[in-house]
N, C-alpha and C. Protein backbone atom coordinates (compact mmCIF):
# COMPACT_ATOMS: atom_id res chain seq x y z
N MET A 1 48.93 -36.14 -30.71
CA MET A 1 48.22 -35.78 -31.42
C MET A 1 47.72 -37.40 -31.08
N SER A 2 46.64 -37.26 -30.50
CA SER A 2 45.14 -38.19 -29.65
C SER A 2 44.67 -38.80 -30.64
N GLY A 3 44.58 -38.33 -31.87
CA GLY A 3 43.10 -38.44 -33.23
C GLY A 3 42.14 -38.53 -32.71
N LEU A 4 41.58 -37.33 -31.57
CA LEU A 4 40.73 -37.66 -31.45
C LEU A 4 40.34 -35.41 -31.93
N PRO A 5 38.91 -35.25 -32.95
CA PRO A 5 39.23 -33.93 -33.79
C PRO A 5 38.88 -33.38 -32.23
N GLN A 6 39.68 -31.62 -32.62
CA GLN A 6 39.64 -31.18 -31.63
C GLN A 6 38.40 -29.77 -31.40
N GLN A 7 38.26 -29.49 -30.30
CA GLN A 7 36.66 -28.62 -30.35
C GLN A 7 36.87 -27.46 -31.67
N GLY A 8 35.97 -27.21 -32.41
CA GLY A 8 36.48 -25.87 -33.26
C GLY A 8 37.25 -26.38 -34.08
N ALA A 9 37.42 -27.41 -34.76
CA ALA A 9 37.87 -28.36 -35.93
C ALA A 9 36.99 -28.34 -37.17
N GLY A 10 36.08 -27.61 -37.26
CA GLY A 10 35.36 -27.67 -38.49
C GLY A 10 34.77 -28.65 -39.12
N VAL A 11 34.44 -28.52 -40.40
CA VAL A 11 33.99 -28.91 -40.81
C VAL A 11 35.02 -30.88 -41.17
N SER A 12 36.01 -30.48 -40.98
CA SER A 12 36.79 -31.91 -40.88
C SER A 12 36.40 -32.66 -39.12
N GLY A 13 36.34 -31.86 -38.49
CA GLY A 13 35.79 -32.36 -37.31
C GLY A 13 34.60 -33.08 -37.43
N ASP A 14 33.61 -32.70 -38.10
CA ASP A 14 32.02 -33.36 -38.57
C ASP A 14 31.97 -34.04 -38.87
N LEU A 15 33.26 -34.36 -40.05
CA LEU A 15 33.01 -35.57 -41.09
C LEU A 15 33.42 -36.58 -39.71
N GLY A 16 34.73 -36.39 -39.23
CA GLY A 16 36.07 -37.23 -38.88
C GLY A 16 34.92 -38.26 -37.54
N ASN A 17 33.42 -37.21 -36.75
CA ASN A 17 32.79 -37.44 -35.80
C ASN A 17 31.33 -38.23 -36.97
N GLU A 18 31.07 -38.43 -37.72
CA GLU A 18 30.03 -38.59 -38.78
C GLU A 18 30.87 -40.33 -38.76
N VAL A 19 32.25 -40.06 -39.59
CA VAL A 19 32.54 -41.60 -39.97
C VAL A 19 32.81 -42.36 -38.75
N GLU A 20 33.02 -41.63 -37.49
CA GLU A 20 33.01 -42.36 -36.13
C GLU A 20 32.09 -43.48 -36.19
N GLY A 21 30.80 -42.21 -36.01
CA GLY A 21 29.61 -43.38 -35.34
C GLY A 21 28.95 -43.92 -36.17
N TYR A 22 29.65 -43.46 -37.91
CA TYR A 22 29.08 -45.03 -39.11
C TYR A 22 29.97 -46.35 -38.40
N LEU A 23 31.04 -45.56 -38.30
CA LEU A 23 31.87 -46.96 -37.92
C LEU A 23 31.39 -47.88 -36.70
N LEU A 24 30.51 -47.22 -35.56
CA LEU A 24 30.16 -47.26 -34.25
C LEU A 24 28.93 -48.57 -34.95
N TRP A 25 28.43 -47.83 -35.82
CA TRP A 25 26.98 -49.03 -35.89
C TRP A 25 27.12 -49.80 -36.89
N GLN A 26 27.97 -50.10 -37.88
CA GLN A 26 28.49 -50.91 -38.67
C GLN A 26 29.31 -52.19 -37.62
N ALA A 27 29.52 -52.00 -36.30
CA ALA A 27 30.09 -52.94 -35.67
C ALA A 27 29.02 -53.18 -34.98
N ARG A 28 28.19 -52.27 -34.19
CA ARG A 28 26.96 -52.52 -33.87
C ARG A 28 26.07 -53.73 -34.58
N VAL A 29 26.08 -53.19 -36.04
CA VAL A 29 24.84 -54.24 -37.02
C VAL A 29 25.95 -56.06 -36.87
N ALA A 30 27.43 -55.69 -37.01
CA ALA A 30 27.93 -57.06 -37.32
C ALA A 30 28.18 -58.14 -36.26
N GLU A 31 28.04 -57.27 -34.52
CA GLU A 31 27.64 -57.78 -33.61
C GLU A 31 26.46 -58.67 -33.87
N ALA A 32 25.60 -57.43 -34.09
CA ALA A 32 23.96 -58.48 -33.58
C ALA A 32 23.58 -59.68 -35.33
N GLU A 33 24.14 -59.52 -36.13
CA GLU A 33 24.36 -60.71 -36.58
C GLU A 33 24.89 -61.24 -36.22
N GLN A 34 26.04 -61.49 -35.48
CA GLN A 34 26.56 -62.70 -35.10
C GLN A 34 26.02 -63.17 -33.88
N ARG A 35 25.64 -62.53 -32.96
CA ARG A 35 24.45 -62.73 -32.29
C ARG A 35 23.58 -63.38 -32.33
N ALA A 36 22.97 -63.13 -34.12
CA ALA A 36 21.83 -63.49 -34.50
C ALA A 36 21.92 -65.76 -34.88
N ARG A 37 23.40 -65.42 -35.77
CA ARG A 37 23.76 -66.68 -35.90
C ARG A 37 24.47 -67.56 -34.57
N GLU A 38 24.87 -66.92 -33.68
CA GLU A 38 24.59 -68.14 -32.79
C GLU A 38 23.76 -68.29 -31.56
N PHE A 39 22.37 -67.41 -31.51
CA PHE A 39 21.13 -67.99 -31.38
C PHE A 39 20.25 -68.72 -32.29
N ALA A 40 20.26 -68.15 -33.29
CA ALA A 40 19.24 -69.20 -34.21
C ALA A 40 19.67 -70.62 -34.57
N GLY A 41 21.53 -70.45 -34.73
CA GLY A 41 22.33 -72.17 -34.47
C GLY A 41 22.30 -72.78 -33.99
N SER A 42 21.95 -72.10 -32.01
CA SER A 42 21.33 -73.29 -31.21
C SER A 42 20.09 -73.96 -31.38
N LEU A 43 19.51 -74.08 -32.29
CA LEU A 43 17.60 -74.20 -32.62
C LEU A 43 18.18 -75.39 -33.69
N ASP A 44 18.50 -76.41 -33.61
CA ASP A 44 18.27 -76.99 -34.74
C ASP A 44 17.69 -77.93 -35.56
N TRP A 45 16.06 -77.84 -34.71
CA TRP A 45 15.21 -77.89 -35.91
C TRP A 45 14.65 -77.43 -36.50
N LEU A 46 15.14 -75.75 -37.10
CA LEU A 46 14.73 -75.13 -37.98
C LEU A 46 14.94 -75.41 -39.23
N THR A 47 14.27 -75.01 -39.52
CA THR A 47 14.82 -75.22 -41.15
C THR A 47 15.47 -74.28 -41.73
N THR A 48 16.17 -74.22 -42.86
CA THR A 48 17.10 -72.70 -43.74
C THR A 48 16.07 -71.30 -43.39
N ALA A 49 14.72 -71.47 -43.77
CA ALA A 49 14.06 -70.20 -44.65
C ALA A 49 13.58 -69.82 -42.74
N GLN A 50 13.62 -70.58 -41.62
CA GLN A 50 13.25 -70.39 -40.11
C GLN A 50 14.55 -70.25 -39.59
N ARG A 51 15.51 -70.31 -40.15
CA ARG A 51 16.91 -70.05 -39.48
C ARG A 51 16.89 -68.35 -39.54
N GLU A 52 16.42 -68.24 -41.17
CA GLU A 52 17.28 -67.05 -41.70
C GLU A 52 16.18 -66.17 -41.14
N GLU A 53 14.99 -66.13 -41.70
CA GLU A 53 13.75 -65.95 -40.00
C GLU A 53 14.22 -64.93 -39.37
N VAL A 54 14.35 -66.22 -38.49
CA VAL A 54 15.01 -65.83 -36.98
C VAL A 54 16.41 -64.87 -36.67
N GLU A 55 17.08 -65.26 -37.04
CA GLU A 55 18.24 -64.38 -37.12
C GLU A 55 18.18 -63.01 -37.90
N ARG A 56 16.96 -62.53 -39.09
CA ARG A 56 16.74 -61.26 -39.83
C ARG A 56 16.32 -60.94 -38.50
N ARG A 57 15.19 -61.58 -37.49
CA ARG A 57 13.92 -61.11 -36.84
C ARG A 57 15.03 -60.28 -35.14
N TYR A 58 15.31 -61.32 -34.75
CA TYR A 58 17.05 -61.00 -33.92
C TYR A 58 17.38 -59.37 -34.31
N VAL A 59 17.86 -60.04 -35.17
CA VAL A 59 19.36 -58.67 -36.09
C VAL A 59 18.31 -57.08 -35.66
N ALA A 60 17.11 -57.39 -36.31
CA ALA A 60 15.97 -56.16 -36.48
C ALA A 60 16.08 -55.20 -35.13
N ASP A 61 15.21 -56.35 -34.36
CA ASP A 61 15.21 -56.18 -32.89
C ASP A 61 16.01 -55.18 -32.10
N SER A 62 17.50 -56.51 -32.02
CA SER A 62 18.78 -56.07 -31.53
C SER A 62 19.21 -54.67 -32.32
N LEU A 63 18.95 -53.90 -33.16
CA LEU A 63 18.90 -52.30 -33.47
C LEU A 63 18.31 -51.77 -33.17
N LEU A 64 16.48 -52.25 -32.74
CA LEU A 64 15.74 -51.52 -32.41
C LEU A 64 16.43 -50.67 -30.77
N ARG A 65 16.62 -52.09 -30.19
CA ARG A 65 17.02 -51.23 -29.40
C ARG A 65 18.32 -50.83 -29.02
N ALA A 66 18.99 -50.65 -29.46
CA ALA A 66 20.34 -50.56 -29.95
C ALA A 66 20.13 -48.83 -30.04
N ARG A 67 19.10 -48.83 -31.42
CA ARG A 67 19.24 -47.50 -32.04
C ARG A 67 18.11 -46.87 -30.30
N ALA A 68 17.30 -47.07 -29.95
CA ALA A 68 16.60 -46.17 -29.20
C ALA A 68 17.35 -46.53 -27.84
N ASP A 69 18.89 -47.13 -27.21
CA ASP A 69 19.72 -46.85 -26.46
C ASP A 69 20.12 -45.65 -26.94
N LEU A 70 20.73 -45.31 -28.13
CA LEU A 70 22.02 -44.36 -28.69
C LEU A 70 20.84 -43.15 -28.91
N GLU A 71 19.57 -43.42 -28.63
CA GLU A 71 18.56 -42.08 -28.96
C GLU A 71 18.44 -41.42 -27.23
N ARG A 72 18.14 -42.28 -26.41
CA ARG A 72 18.38 -42.20 -24.98
C ARG A 72 19.55 -41.35 -24.66
N ILE A 73 20.64 -41.67 -24.70
CA ILE A 73 21.88 -40.88 -24.25
C ILE A 73 22.22 -39.87 -25.29
N ALA A 74 21.58 -39.52 -25.52
CA ALA A 74 21.85 -38.28 -26.91
C ALA A 74 20.70 -37.31 -26.25
N ALA A 75 19.79 -37.77 -26.15
CA ALA A 75 18.53 -37.11 -25.25
C ALA A 75 19.61 -36.53 -24.11
N ARG A 76 19.99 -37.23 -22.76
CA ARG A 76 20.77 -36.57 -22.38
C ARG A 76 21.88 -35.74 -21.60
N CYS A 77 22.67 -35.88 -23.05
CA CYS A 77 24.36 -35.55 -23.51
C CYS A 77 23.39 -34.09 -23.51
N VAL A 78 22.33 -34.13 -24.23
CA VAL A 78 22.00 -32.51 -24.62
C VAL A 78 21.48 -31.89 -23.27
N SER A 79 19.93 -32.81 -22.46
CA SER A 79 20.34 -32.61 -21.62
C SER A 79 21.24 -31.36 -20.56
N LEU A 80 22.35 -32.59 -20.32
CA LEU A 80 23.74 -32.16 -19.56
C LEU A 80 24.47 -31.25 -19.91
N ARG A 81 24.03 -30.70 -21.42
CA ARG A 81 25.31 -29.58 -22.01
C ARG A 81 24.73 -28.34 -21.51
N GLY A 82 23.25 -28.83 -21.81
CA GLY A 82 22.01 -27.15 -21.31
C GLY A 82 22.54 -26.93 -19.72
N GLU A 83 22.53 -27.86 -18.46
CA GLU A 83 22.85 -27.90 -17.34
C GLU A 83 24.34 -27.17 -16.68
N TYR A 84 25.41 -27.63 -17.50
CA TYR A 84 26.73 -27.39 -17.90
C TYR A 84 27.37 -26.06 -17.94
N GLU A 85 25.84 -25.34 -18.96
CA GLU A 85 26.06 -24.27 -20.15
C GLU A 85 24.91 -23.41 -18.85
N GLN A 86 24.56 -23.19 -17.84
CA GLN A 86 23.99 -22.41 -17.26
C GLN A 86 24.62 -22.51 -16.16
N ARG A 87 25.12 -23.70 -15.62
CA ARG A 87 25.70 -23.21 -14.17
C ARG A 87 27.39 -23.05 -14.56
N TYR A 88 27.85 -22.67 -16.12
CA TYR A 88 28.89 -22.39 -16.33
C TYR A 88 28.82 -20.66 -16.11
N ALA A 89 27.35 -20.20 -16.65
CA ALA A 89 26.93 -18.66 -17.05
C ALA A 89 26.95 -18.16 -15.79
N GLU A 90 26.24 -18.83 -14.91
CA GLU A 90 26.38 -18.20 -12.90
C GLU A 90 27.58 -18.53 -12.36
N LEU A 91 28.87 -19.57 -12.80
CA LEU A 91 30.02 -19.14 -12.05
C LEU A 91 30.34 -17.86 -12.71
N ARG A 92 30.35 -17.55 -14.13
CA ARG A 92 31.30 -16.74 -14.46
C ARG A 92 30.17 -15.12 -13.87
N ARG A 93 28.84 -15.88 -13.86
CA ARG A 93 27.91 -13.90 -13.24
C ARG A 93 29.01 -13.69 -11.77
N ARG A 94 29.16 -15.00 -11.06
CA ARG A 94 29.38 -14.51 -9.83
C ARG A 94 30.93 -14.30 -9.92
N CYS A 95 31.77 -14.19 -10.77
CA CYS A 95 33.25 -14.39 -10.62
C CYS A 95 33.15 -12.77 -11.03
N VAL A 96 32.07 -12.82 -11.69
CA VAL A 96 32.58 -10.72 -12.29
C VAL A 96 31.64 -10.03 -10.80
N GLY A 97 31.51 -10.47 -10.60
CA GLY A 97 30.67 -10.12 -9.21
C GLY A 97 31.44 -9.78 -8.02
N VAL A 98 32.77 -11.18 -7.45
CA VAL A 98 33.39 -10.63 -6.98
C VAL A 98 34.59 -10.13 -7.45
N ALA A 99 35.15 -10.47 -8.11
CA ALA A 99 36.23 -9.22 -9.01
C ALA A 99 35.44 -7.78 -8.69
N LEU A 100 34.54 -7.49 -9.06
CA LEU A 100 33.90 -6.38 -9.30
C LEU A 100 33.87 -5.20 -7.39
N ALA A 101 33.19 -6.23 -6.76
CA ALA A 101 33.50 -6.14 -5.28
C ALA A 101 34.81 -5.58 -4.78
N VAL A 102 35.09 -7.01 -5.41
CA VAL A 102 36.52 -6.38 -4.93
C VAL A 102 37.70 -5.32 -5.04
N CYS A 103 37.29 -5.00 -6.36
CA CYS A 103 37.86 -3.72 -6.77
C CYS A 103 37.13 -2.75 -7.06
N ALA A 104 36.07 -2.79 -6.06
CA ALA A 104 34.99 -1.25 -5.82
C ALA A 104 35.86 -0.56 -3.41
N GLY A 105 35.86 -2.27 -3.00
CA GLY A 105 36.31 -2.04 -2.23
C GLY A 105 37.93 -1.26 -2.18
N LEU A 106 38.59 -2.70 -2.75
CA LEU A 106 40.37 -1.76 -2.79
C LEU A 106 39.63 0.19 -3.50
N THR A 107 39.11 0.49 -4.56
CA THR A 107 39.36 2.18 -4.81
C THR A 107 38.39 2.62 -3.43
N ALA A 108 37.50 1.75 -2.91
CA ALA A 108 36.95 2.85 -1.35
C ALA A 108 37.80 2.93 -0.91
N LEU A 109 38.96 1.96 -0.63
CA LEU A 109 39.92 1.83 1.01
C LEU A 109 41.02 2.46 0.35
N ALA A 110 41.72 3.08 -1.51
CA ALA A 110 42.54 3.87 -1.28
C ALA A 110 41.72 5.12 -1.27
N ALA A 111 41.08 5.62 -1.67
CA ALA A 111 40.24 6.39 -1.58
C ALA A 111 40.58 7.45 -0.34
N LEU A 112 39.60 6.43 0.61
CA LEU A 112 40.03 6.93 2.63
C LEU A 112 41.08 7.23 2.73
N LEU A 113 42.28 5.98 2.23
CA LEU A 113 43.44 6.10 2.74
C LEU A 113 44.13 7.86 2.30
N LEU A 114 43.80 8.09 1.13
CA LEU A 114 44.15 8.86 0.87
C LEU A 114 43.57 10.52 1.22
N VAL A 115 42.79 10.25 1.85
CA VAL A 115 41.68 11.59 3.01
C VAL A 115 42.44 11.72 3.79
N LEU A 116 43.23 10.59 4.79
CA LEU A 116 43.43 10.94 6.55
C LEU A 116 44.62 10.86 5.30
């Protein structure tokens, strides 16, 4: 039992993926907030309101960048899936072609041996 959803797991697999995605995003938010606090903490001259504004903007910028990264990765995954599906279909056609050629060759050889 690996804990990972199996392919074809259906609705429960989709739910598992959504929960995992949600938890990963919440971890990203918590990380951005922690980094924002550390960044603003080094600026001793800021007032409380200014510190909160810097933290808010830092978090917003971090999450915007993270979202762009995730969207770029998702687009690449879709692209790779298409490439792999195309390659698989090509290999399957080749395999069937070779199998048919071998069967035809063996049939011709058997017919030739029967004639002789």
